Amino acid sequence: MASRVLDSSAFYAGIPFSSNEAGHITSLVYNEIEHIKKDHDAVQILIETKRLTVNEPEDEFITASIDAAKKSGDFSNLSDGDISTIALSLQLCAELVTDDFAVSNVAKNLNIKVIPVMTDGIKNVVTWKYYCPGCKTNFSKITECPRCGNKLKRKAIKR
């Protein structure tokens, strides 16, 4: 059985509560989901019965995940929790259970197997190109065109 790292969307879909498979999360994801079924202490029961483990990814895997997210153009759409989830999957060589398209794109760029929860998942791995719709200039790390002041848009470049 493959090791699995879960992001918060897996919990909102109820996956860990209806499965006997063990999973891993980071403390940032735990903070996002600890309110789920709090009246029944469901998340805590998963931890106590060893069906859920809270792990922290090592710095080198966080750095690799950030670099991959910047390279693909997804970095501005990811939270610290998203980055930690990708990093933990990379570190554990684990499948990643998520419905987040930016997380999926970065994970697939890192050759991590992604398991979608309530969607069909992403069809193509892409790199995002940011451009100004006003002056048609391409950019990579900013959100507003320094030439004309328009908010940048993005379009996918399929790989």
C-alpha atoms as a PDB file:
ATOM      1  CA  MET A   1       0.000   0.000   0.000  1.00  0.00           C
ATOM      2  CA  ALA A   2       1.391   3.400  -0.977  1.00  0.00           C
ATOM      3  CA  SER A   3       1.951   6.115   1.564  1.00  0.00           C
ATOM      4  CA  ARG A   4      -0.430   9.082   1.204  1.00  0.00           C
ATOM      5  CA  VAL A   5      -0.195  12.735   2.165  1.00  0.00           C
ATOM      6  CA  LEU A   6      -3.550  14.491   2.538  1.00  0.00           C
ATOM      7  CA  ASP A   7      -4.320  18.145   2.037  1.00  0.00           C
ATOM      8  CA  SER A   8      -7.320  19.845   3.604  1.00  0.00           C
ATOM      9  CA  SER A   9      -9.623  19.098   0.648  1.00  0.00           C
ATOM     10  CA  ALA A  10      -9.360  15.378   1.459  1.00  0.00           C
ATOM     11  CA  PHE A  11     -10.781  16.100   4.920  1.00  0.00           C
ATOM     12  CA  TYR A  12     -13.598  18.283   3.594  1.00  0.00           C
ATOM     13  CA  ALA A  13     -14.526  15.358   1.331  1.00  0.00           C
ATOM     14  CA  GLY A  14     -14.461  12.995   4.327  1.00  0.00           C
ATOM     15  CA  ILE A  15     -11.804  10.691   2.864  1.00  0.00           C
ATOM     16  CA  PRO A  16      -9.837   9.944   6.071  1.00  0.00           C
ATOM     17  CA  PHE A  17     -13.034   9.329   8.048  1.00  0.00           C
ATOM     18  CA  SER A  18     -14.348   6.705   5.634  1.00  0.00           C
ATOM     19  CA  SER A  19     -11.064   4.956   4.867  1.00  0.00           C
ATOM     20  CA  ASN A  20      -8.856   2.633   6.874  1.00  0.00           C
ATOM     21  CA  GLU A  21      -5.744   3.723   4.985  1.00  0.00           C
ATOM     22  CA  ALA A  22      -3.154   5.627   6.995  1.00  0.00           C
ATOM     23  CA  GLY A  23      -2.301   9.142   5.937  1.00  0.00           C
ATOM     24  CA  HIS A  24       0.126  11.944   6.694  1.00  0.00           C
ATOM     25  CA  ILE A  25      -0.428  15.673   7.122  1.00  0.00           C
ATOM     26  CA  THR A  26       1.678  18.637   8.181  1.00  0.00           C
ATOM     27  CA  SER A  27       0.951  20.755  11.243  1.00  0.00           C
ATOM     28  CA  LEU A  28      -0.191  23.571   8.932  1.00  0.00           C
ATOM     29  CA  VAL A  29      -2.847  21.304   7.414  1.00  0.00           C
ATOM     30  CA  TYR A  30      -3.765  20.086  10.903  1.00  0.00           C
ATOM     31  CA  ASN A  31      -4.392  23.713  11.921  1.00  0.00           C
ATOM     32  CA  GLU A  32      -6.656  24.140   8.872  1.00  0.00           C
ATOM     33  CA  ILE A  33      -8.755  21.026   9.541  1.00  0.00           C
ATOM     34  CA  GLU A  34      -8.826  20.587  13.312  1.00  0.00           C
ATOM     35  CA  HIS A  35     -12.320  22.152  13.471  1.00  0.00           C
ATOM     36  CA  ILE A  36     -13.787  19.407  11.258  1.00  0.00           C
ATOM     37  CA  LYS A  37     -16.070  17.135  13.289  1.00  0.00           C
ATOM     38  CA  LYS A  38     -14.654  18.770  16.421  1.00  0.00           C
ATOM     39  CA  ASP A  39     -17.702  17.765  18.454  1.00  0.00           C
ATOM     40  CA  HIS A  40     -16.676  14.145  17.938  1.00  0.00           C
ATOM     41  CA  ASP A  41     -12.878  14.687  18.123  1.00  0.00           C
ATOM     42  CA  ALA A  42     -12.697  12.810  14.814  1.00  0.00           C
ATOM     43  CA  VAL A  43      -9.313  14.156  13.719  1.00  0.00           C
ATOM     44  CA  GLN A  44      -7.786  13.425  17.123  1.00  0.00           C
ATOM     45  CA  ILE A  45      -9.148   9.879  17.012  1.00  0.00           C
ATOM     46  CA  LEU A  46      -7.465   9.356  13.622  1.00  0.00           C
ATOM     47  CA  ILE A  47      -4.163  10.440  15.184  1.00  0.00           C
ATOM     48  CA  GLU A  48      -4.600   8.297  18.291  1.00  0.00           C
ATOM     49  CA  THR A  49      -5.424   5.208  16.241  1.00  0.00           C
ATOM     50  CA  LYS A  50      -2.385   5.865  14.006  1.00  0.00           C
ATOM     51  CA  ARG A  51      -4.536   6.294  10.899  1.00  0.00           C
ATOM     52  CA  LEU A  52      -3.161   9.843  10.661  1.00  0.00           C
ATOM     53  CA  THR A  53       0.354  11.086  11.388  1.00  0.00           C
ATOM     54  CA  VAL A  54       1.426  14.717  11.657  1.00  0.00           C
ATOM     55  CA  ASN A  55       4.902  15.207  10.142  1.00  0.00           C
ATOM     56  CA  GLU A  56       7.013  18.218   9.270  1.00  0.00           C
ATOM     57  CA  PRO A  57       8.890  18.223   5.963  1.00  0.00           C
ATOM     58  CA  GLU A  58      12.613  18.875   6.027  1.00  0.00           C
ATOM     59  CA  ASP A  59      13.879  22.238   4.778  1.00  0.00           C
ATOM     60  CA  GLU A  60      15.457  20.816   1.620  1.00  0.00           C
ATOM     61  CA  PHE A  61      12.061  19.489   0.470  1.00  0.00           C
ATOM     62  CA  ILE A  62      10.343  22.790   1.262  1.00  0.00           C
ATOM     63  CA  THR A  63      12.991  24.584  -0.808  1.00  0.00           C
ATOM     64  CA  ALA A  64      12.540  22.125  -3.688  1.00  0.00           C
ATOM     65  CA  SER A  65       8.756  22.619  -3.564  1.00  0.00           C
ATOM     66  CA  ILE A  66       9.053  26.413  -3.540  1.00  0.00           C
ATOM     67  CA  ASP A  67      11.496  26.301  -6.461  1.00  0.00           C
ATOM     68  CA  ALA A  68       9.148  24.046  -8.452  1.00  0.00           C
ATOM     69  CA  ALA A  69       6.171  26.315  -7.675  1.00  0.00           C
ATOM     70  CA  LYS A  70       8.088  29.399  -8.824  1.00  0.00           C
ATOM     71  CA  LYS A  71       9.263  27.610 -11.965  1.00  0.00           C
ATOM     72  CA  SER A  72       5.707  26.532 -12.875  1.00  0.00           C
ATOM     73  CA  GLY A  73       4.234  29.951 -12.030  1.00  0.00           C
ATOM     74  CA  ASP A  74       1.966  28.573  -9.294  1.00  0.00           C
ATOM     75  CA  PHE A  75       3.809  30.026  -6.279  1.00  0.00           C
ATOM     76  CA  SER A  76       1.534  33.045  -5.791  1.00  0.00           C
ATOM     77  CA  ASN A  77      -1.492  30.707  -5.640  1.00  0.00           C
ATOM     78  CA  LEU A  78      -0.118  28.453  -2.895  1.00  0.00           C
ATOM     79  CA  SER A  79      -0.353  28.820   0.877  1.00  0.00           C
ATOM     80  CA  ASP A  80       2.359  27.760   3.296  1.00  0.00           C
ATOM     81  CA  GLY A  81       0.190  24.716   4.027  1.00  0.00           C
ATOM     82  CA  ASP A  82       0.116  23.834   0.332  1.00  0.00           C
ATOM     83  CA  ILE A  83       3.905  24.093   0.082  1.00  0.00           C
ATOM     84  CA  SER A  84       4.350  21.960   3.215  1.00  0.00           C
ATOM     85  CA  THR A  85       2.012  19.300   1.808  1.00  0.00           C
ATOM     86  CA  ILE A  86       3.903  19.113  -1.480  1.00  0.00           C
ATOM     87  CA  ALA A  87       7.216  19.002   0.420  1.00  0.00           C
ATOM     88  CA  LEU A  88       6.050  16.181   2.688  1.00  0.00           C
ATOM     89  CA  SER A  89       4.858  14.152  -0.321  1.00  0.00           C
ATOM     90  CA  LEU A  90       8.224  14.682  -1.969  1.00  0.00           C
ATOM     91  CA  GLN A  91      10.121  13.716   1.193  1.00  0.00           C
ATOM     92  CA  LEU A  92       8.067  10.567   1.852  1.00  0.00           C
ATOM     93  CA  CYS A  93       7.844   9.606  -1.848  1.00  0.00           C
ATOM     94  CA  ALA A  94       4.104   9.498  -1.161  1.00  0.00           C
ATOM     95  CA  GLU A  95       0.971   9.981  -3.216  1.00  0.00           C
ATOM     96  CA  LEU A  96      -0.731  13.340  -2.696  1.00  0.00           C
ATOM     97  CA  VAL A  97      -4.488  13.451  -2.158  1.00  0.00           C
ATOM     98  CA  THR A  98      -5.799  16.871  -3.237  1.00  0.00           C
ATOM     99  CA  ASP A  99      -8.309  18.712  -5.387  1.00  0.00           C
ATOM    100  CA  ASP A 100      -6.267  21.910  -5.510  1.00  0.00           C
ATOM    101  CA  PHE A 101      -5.182  22.521  -9.120  1.00  0.00           C
ATOM    102  CA  ALA A 102      -2.107  24.615  -8.235  1.00  0.00           C
ATOM    103  CA  VAL A 103      -0.953  21.990  -5.715  1.00  0.00           C
ATOM    104  CA  SER A 104      -1.565  19.246  -8.294  1.00  0.00           C
ATOM    105  CA  ASN A 105       0.354  21.098 -10.983  1.00  0.00           C
ATOM    106  CA  VAL A 106       3.418  21.642  -8.801  1.00  0.00           C
ATOM    107  CA  ALA A 107       3.267  18.058  -7.498  1.00  0.00           C
ATOM    108  CA  LYS A 108       3.072  16.620 -10.995  1.00  0.00           C
ATOM    109  CA  ASN A 109       6.000  18.837 -12.026  1.00  0.00           C
ATOM    110  CA  LEU A 110       7.898  17.066  -9.225  1.00  0.00           C
ATOM    111  CA  ASN A 111       6.696  13.632 -10.446  1.00  0.00           C
ATOM    112  CA  ILE A 112       4.484  13.109  -7.402  1.00  0.00           C
ATOM    113  CA  LYS A 113       1.421  10.940  -8.035  1.00  0.00           C
ATOM    114  CA  VAL A 114      -1.725  13.002  -7.396  1.00  0.00           C
ATOM    115  CA  ILE A 115      -5.047  11.470  -6.396  1.00  0.00           C
ATOM    116  CA  PRO A 116      -8.010  13.829  -6.875  1.00  0.00           C
ATOM    117  CA  VAL A 117     -10.869  13.687  -4.389  1.00  0.00           C
ATOM    118  CA  MET A 118     -14.045  15.240  -5.800  1.00  0.00           C
ATOM    119  CA  THR A 119     -12.808  16.368  -9.220  1.00  0.00           C
ATOM    120  CA  ASP A 120     -11.254  14.671 -12.221  1.00  0.00           C
ATOM    121  CA  GLY A 121      -7.944  16.364 -11.391  1.00  0.00           C
ATOM    122  CA  ILE A 122      -5.739  18.249 -13.799  1.00  0.00           C
ATOM    123  CA  LYS A 123      -5.412  16.963 -17.338  1.00  0.00           C
ATOM    124  CA  ASN A 124      -2.146  18.672 -18.300  1.00  0.00           C
ATOM    125  CA  VAL A 125       0.887  19.825 -16.381  1.00  0.00           C
ATOM    126  CA  VAL A 126       1.408  23.480 -17.250  1.00  0.00           C
ATOM    127  CA  THR A 127       3.744  26.393 -16.735  1.00  0.00           C
ATOM    128  CA  TRP A 128       2.015  29.737 -16.247  1.00  0.00           C
ATOM    129  CA  LYS A 129       3.037  32.763 -18.260  1.00  0.00           C
ATOM    130  CA  TYR A 130       2.048  36.146 -16.788  1.00  0.00           C
ATOM    131  CA  TYR A 131       1.319  38.990 -19.172  1.00  0.00           C
ATOM    132  CA  CYS A 132      -0.147  42.464 -19.247  1.00  0.00           C
ATOM    133  CA  PRO A 133      -3.408  42.559 -21.217  1.00  0.00           C
ATOM    134  CA  GLY A 134      -2.839  46.256 -21.918  1.00  0.00           C
ATOM    135  CA  CYS A 135       0.658  46.426 -23.351  1.00  0.00           C
ATOM    136  CA  LYS A 136       1.097  42.661 -24.026  1.00  0.00           C
ATOM    137  CA  THR A 137       4.404  42.487 -22.123  1.00  0.00           C
ATOM    138  CA  ASN A 138       5.362  39.209 -20.385  1.00  0.00           C
ATOM    139  CA  PHE A 139       6.393  39.118 -16.721  1.00  0.00           C
ATOM    140  CA  SER A 140       7.272  36.443 -14.199  1.00  0.00           C
ATOM    141  CA  LYS A 141       7.264  37.686 -10.615  1.00  0.00           C
ATOM    142  CA  ILE A 142       4.967  40.693 -10.321  1.00  0.00           C
ATOM    143  CA  THR A 143       1.205  41.239 -10.329  1.00  0.00           C
ATOM    144  CA  GLU A 144       0.947  44.692 -11.886  1.00  0.00           C
ATOM    145  CA  CYS A 145       2.476  45.992 -15.107  1.00  0.00           C
ATOM    146  CA  PRO A 146       5.163  48.589 -14.311  1.00  0.00           C
ATOM    147  CA  ARG A 147       4.650  50.150 -17.774  1.00  0.00           C
ATOM    148  CA  CYS A 148       0.911  50.789 -17.845  1.00  0.00           C
ATOM    149  CA  GLY A 149      -0.355  49.760 -14.379  1.00  0.00           C
ATOM    150  CA  ASN A 150      -2.751  46.999 -15.517  1.00  0.00           C
ATOM    151  CA  LYS A 151      -3.242  43.936 -13.327  1.00  0.00           C
ATOM    152  CA  LEU A 152      -1.435  40.992 -14.927  1.00  0.00           C
ATOM    153  CA  LYS A 153      -3.297  37.955 -16.233  1.00  0.00           C
ATOM    154  CA  ARG A 154      -1.908  34.507 -16.790  1.00  0.00           C
ATOM    155  CA  LYS A 155      -2.214  31.814 -19.405  1.00  0.00           C
ATOM    156  CA  ALA A 156      -1.054  28.246 -19.412  1.00  0.00           C
ATOM    157  CA  ILE A 157       1.772  26.953 -21.534  1.00  0.00           C
ATOM    158  CA  LYS A 158       1.302  23.177 -21.836  1.00  0.00           C
ATOM    159  CA  ARG A 159       4.317  20.950 -21.377  1.00  0.00           C
END
